[in-house]
Each structure stands twice: as structure tokens, then as C-alpha cells.
Amino acid sequence: MMSMEVVLALFVLMLSLVLAGVSFIAYKKSHLRPALYLLVAFLLLAIKKGVELLQLTQRIEKDVGLVIGGLEVIFLLLFVLALWRR
């Protein structure tokens, strides 16, 4: 039986991949840089959730907190860049 943490992590992983797909379609249509930033940000979020999921299912035994924290910072920076108006 899967725990609620695993189910939520899977949901966030799928949602971030869907949002990355939407961002890709938006970038293909508009060629705007903010859409590209969002695409990369959502892909990083999917990678982060994948690493967390592997840790939750005990496929990774090492502490990956530093990697997860670094990916969160990069995600947030890309998200801010996408929303920043010049």
C-alpha cells in the first residue's frame, strides 16, 4: 500500500510535467523567453519530485536534502525571472 506522501509526490510530479508541456506549447507559439524559463522551472520541479519520490520509496538511501534544496532555489529563481517585467 502506498503512503499518502508517495501519492502526493506522484501527483505533483505528474502536474509539473503537464505544466512543463503547456509551457513548451506556449514557447513554441510565442517564442517568449518567460515561457522558456517556466518550461525549465517545471522540468526542474519534476526532477526534484522524482528525487524525493525515490528517497521516499527508499531507492536512494543517502541524504539528498542539499540537492533538493538547490533545485528548489533554482526553480524559484526561474519562476521569478519568468514573472519579472522589464
C-alpha atoms as a PDB file:
ATOM      1  CA  MET A   1       0.000   0.000   0.000  1.00  0.00           C
ATOM      2  CA  MET A   2       1.347   3.426  -0.933  1.00  0.00           C
ATOM      3  CA  SER A   3       1.584   6.094   1.692  1.00  0.00           C
ATOM      4  CA  MET A   4      -0.104   9.444   1.276  1.00  0.00           C
ATOM      5  CA  GLU A   5       3.310  11.111   0.828  1.00  0.00           C
ATOM      6  CA  VAL A   6       4.079   8.916  -2.169  1.00  0.00           C
ATOM      7  CA  VAL A   7       0.661   9.563  -3.718  1.00  0.00           C
ATOM      8  CA  LEU A   8       1.064  13.335  -3.301  1.00  0.00           C
ATOM      9  CA  ALA A   9       4.600  13.233  -4.699  1.00  0.00           C
ATOM     10  CA  LEU A  10       3.347  11.311  -7.753  1.00  0.00           C
ATOM     11  CA  PHE A  11       0.547  13.843  -8.232  1.00  0.00           C
ATOM     12  CA  VAL A  12       2.955  16.794  -8.049  1.00  0.00           C
ATOM     13  CA  LEU A  13       5.343  15.020 -10.430  1.00  0.00           C
ATOM     14  CA  MET A  14       2.580  14.480 -12.998  1.00  0.00           C
ATOM     15  CA  LEU A  15       1.248  18.018 -12.590  1.00  0.00           C
ATOM     16  CA  SER A  16       4.695  19.549 -13.058  1.00  0.00           C
ATOM     17  CA  LEU A  17       5.183  17.508 -16.248  1.00  0.00           C
ATOM     18  CA  VAL A  18       1.805  18.675 -17.567  1.00  0.00           C
ATOM     19  CA  LEU A  19       2.707  22.294 -16.781  1.00  0.00           C
ATOM     20  CA  ALA A  20       6.066  21.833 -18.498  1.00  0.00           C
ATOM     21  CA  GLY A  21       4.178  20.584 -21.567  1.00  0.00           C
ATOM     22  CA  VAL A  22       1.872  23.599 -21.513  1.00  0.00           C
ATOM     23  CA  SER A  23       4.901  25.884 -21.167  1.00  0.00           C
ATOM     24  CA  PHE A  24       6.540  24.145 -24.127  1.00  0.00           C
ATOM     25  CA  ILE A  25       3.460  24.691 -26.287  1.00  0.00           C
ATOM     26  CA  ALA A  26       3.342  28.354 -25.199  1.00  0.00           C
ATOM     27  CA  TYR A  27       7.021  28.781 -26.065  1.00  0.00           C
ATOM     28  CA  LYS A  28       6.592  27.136 -29.481  1.00  0.00           C
ATOM     29  CA  LYS A  29       3.729  29.511 -30.314  1.00  0.00           C
ATOM     30  CA  SER A  30       5.162  32.743 -28.897  1.00  0.00           C
ATOM     31  CA  HIS A  31       8.944  32.263 -28.655  1.00  0.00           C
ATOM     32  CA  LEU A  32       8.839  34.389 -25.496  1.00  0.00           C
ATOM     33  CA  ARG A  33      11.696  33.889 -23.073  1.00  0.00           C
ATOM     34  CA  PRO A  34       9.445  33.765 -19.951  1.00  0.00           C
ATOM     35  CA  ALA A  35       7.711  30.664 -21.342  1.00  0.00           C
ATOM     36  CA  LEU A  36      11.111  29.035 -21.757  1.00  0.00           C
ATOM     37  CA  TYR A  37      12.004  29.897 -18.147  1.00  0.00           C
ATOM     38  CA  LEU A  38       8.747  28.320 -16.995  1.00  0.00           C
ATOM     39  CA  LEU A  39       9.434  25.214 -19.068  1.00  0.00           C
ATOM     40  CA  VAL A  40      12.840  24.729 -17.443  1.00  0.00           C
ATOM     41  CA  ALA A  41      11.451  25.566 -13.987  1.00  0.00           C
ATOM     42  CA  PHE A  42       8.683  22.971 -14.227  1.00  0.00           C
ATOM     43  CA  LEU A  43      11.125  20.361 -15.537  1.00  0.00           C
ATOM     44  CA  LEU A  44      13.385  21.055 -12.543  1.00  0.00           C
ATOM     45  CA  LEU A  45      10.389  20.703 -10.242  1.00  0.00           C
ATOM     46  CA  ALA A  46       9.641  17.324 -11.838  1.00  0.00           C
ATOM     47  CA  ILE A  47      13.259  16.224 -11.307  1.00  0.00           C
ATOM     48  CA  LYS A  48      13.127  17.411  -7.687  1.00  0.00           C
ATOM     49  CA  LYS A  49       9.913  15.482  -7.045  1.00  0.00           C
ATOM     50  CA  GLY A  50      11.380  12.424  -8.757  1.00  0.00           C
ATOM     51  CA  VAL A  51      14.391  12.510  -6.436  1.00  0.00           C
ATOM     52  CA  GLU A  52      12.115  12.965  -3.414  1.00  0.00           C
ATOM     53  CA  LEU A  53       9.945  10.081  -4.605  1.00  0.00           C
ATOM     54  CA  LEU A  54      12.968   7.820  -4.978  1.00  0.00           C
ATOM     55  CA  GLN A  55      14.022   8.751  -1.450  1.00  0.00           C
ATOM     56  CA  LEU A  56      10.507   8.120  -0.098  1.00  0.00           C
ATOM     57  CA  THR A  57      10.393   4.673  -1.684  1.00  0.00           C
ATOM     58  CA  GLN A  58      13.875   4.030  -0.262  1.00  0.00           C
ATOM     59  CA  ARG A  59      15.545   3.559  -3.627  1.00  0.00           C
ATOM     60  CA  ILE A  60      18.023   6.267  -2.618  1.00  0.00           C
ATOM     61  CA  GLU A  61      19.482   5.717   0.822  1.00  0.00           C
ATOM     62  CA  LYS A  62      21.662   8.818   1.008  1.00  0.00           C
ATOM     63  CA  ASP A  63      20.528  12.190   2.303  1.00  0.00           C
ATOM     64  CA  VAL A  64      19.677  14.293  -0.739  1.00  0.00           C
ATOM     65  CA  GLY A  65      18.476  17.355   1.150  1.00  0.00           C
ATOM     66  CA  LEU A  66      21.171  19.603  -0.307  1.00  0.00           C
ATOM     67  CA  VAL A  67      20.304  18.593  -3.881  1.00  0.00           C
ATOM     68  CA  ILE A  68      16.581  19.077  -3.258  1.00  0.00           C
ATOM     69  CA  GLY A  69      17.183  22.475  -1.654  1.00  0.00           C
ATOM     70  CA  GLY A  70      19.365  23.574  -4.562  1.00  0.00           C
ATOM     71  CA  LEU A  71      16.741  22.529  -7.103  1.00  0.00           C
ATOM     72  CA  GLU A  72      14.092  24.484  -5.166  1.00  0.00           C
ATOM     73  CA  VAL A  73      16.223  27.627  -5.255  1.00  0.00           C
ATOM     74  CA  ILE A  74      16.854  27.303  -8.998  1.00  0.00           C
ATOM     75  CA  PHE A  75      13.131  26.639  -9.587  1.00  0.00           C
ATOM     76  CA  LEU A  76      12.143  29.753  -7.676  1.00  0.00           C
ATOM     77  CA  LEU A  77      14.736  31.905  -9.459  1.00  0.00           C
ATOM     78  CA  LEU A  78      13.492  30.753 -12.856  1.00  0.00           C
ATOM     79  CA  PHE A  79       9.906  31.340 -11.801  1.00  0.00           C
ATOM     80  CA  VAL A  80      10.759  34.899 -10.698  1.00  0.00           C
ATOM     81  CA  LEU A  81      12.587  35.515 -13.987  1.00  0.00           C
ATOM     82  CA  ALA A  82       9.526  34.340 -15.907  1.00  0.00           C
ATOM     83  CA  LEU A  83       7.256  36.725 -13.999  1.00  0.00           C
ATOM     84  CA  TRP A  84       9.657  39.680 -13.942  1.00  0.00           C
ATOM     85  CA  ARG A  85       8.563  42.569 -16.126  1.00  0.00           C
ATOM     86  CA  ARG A  86      11.227  44.748 -17.615  1.00  0.00           C
END
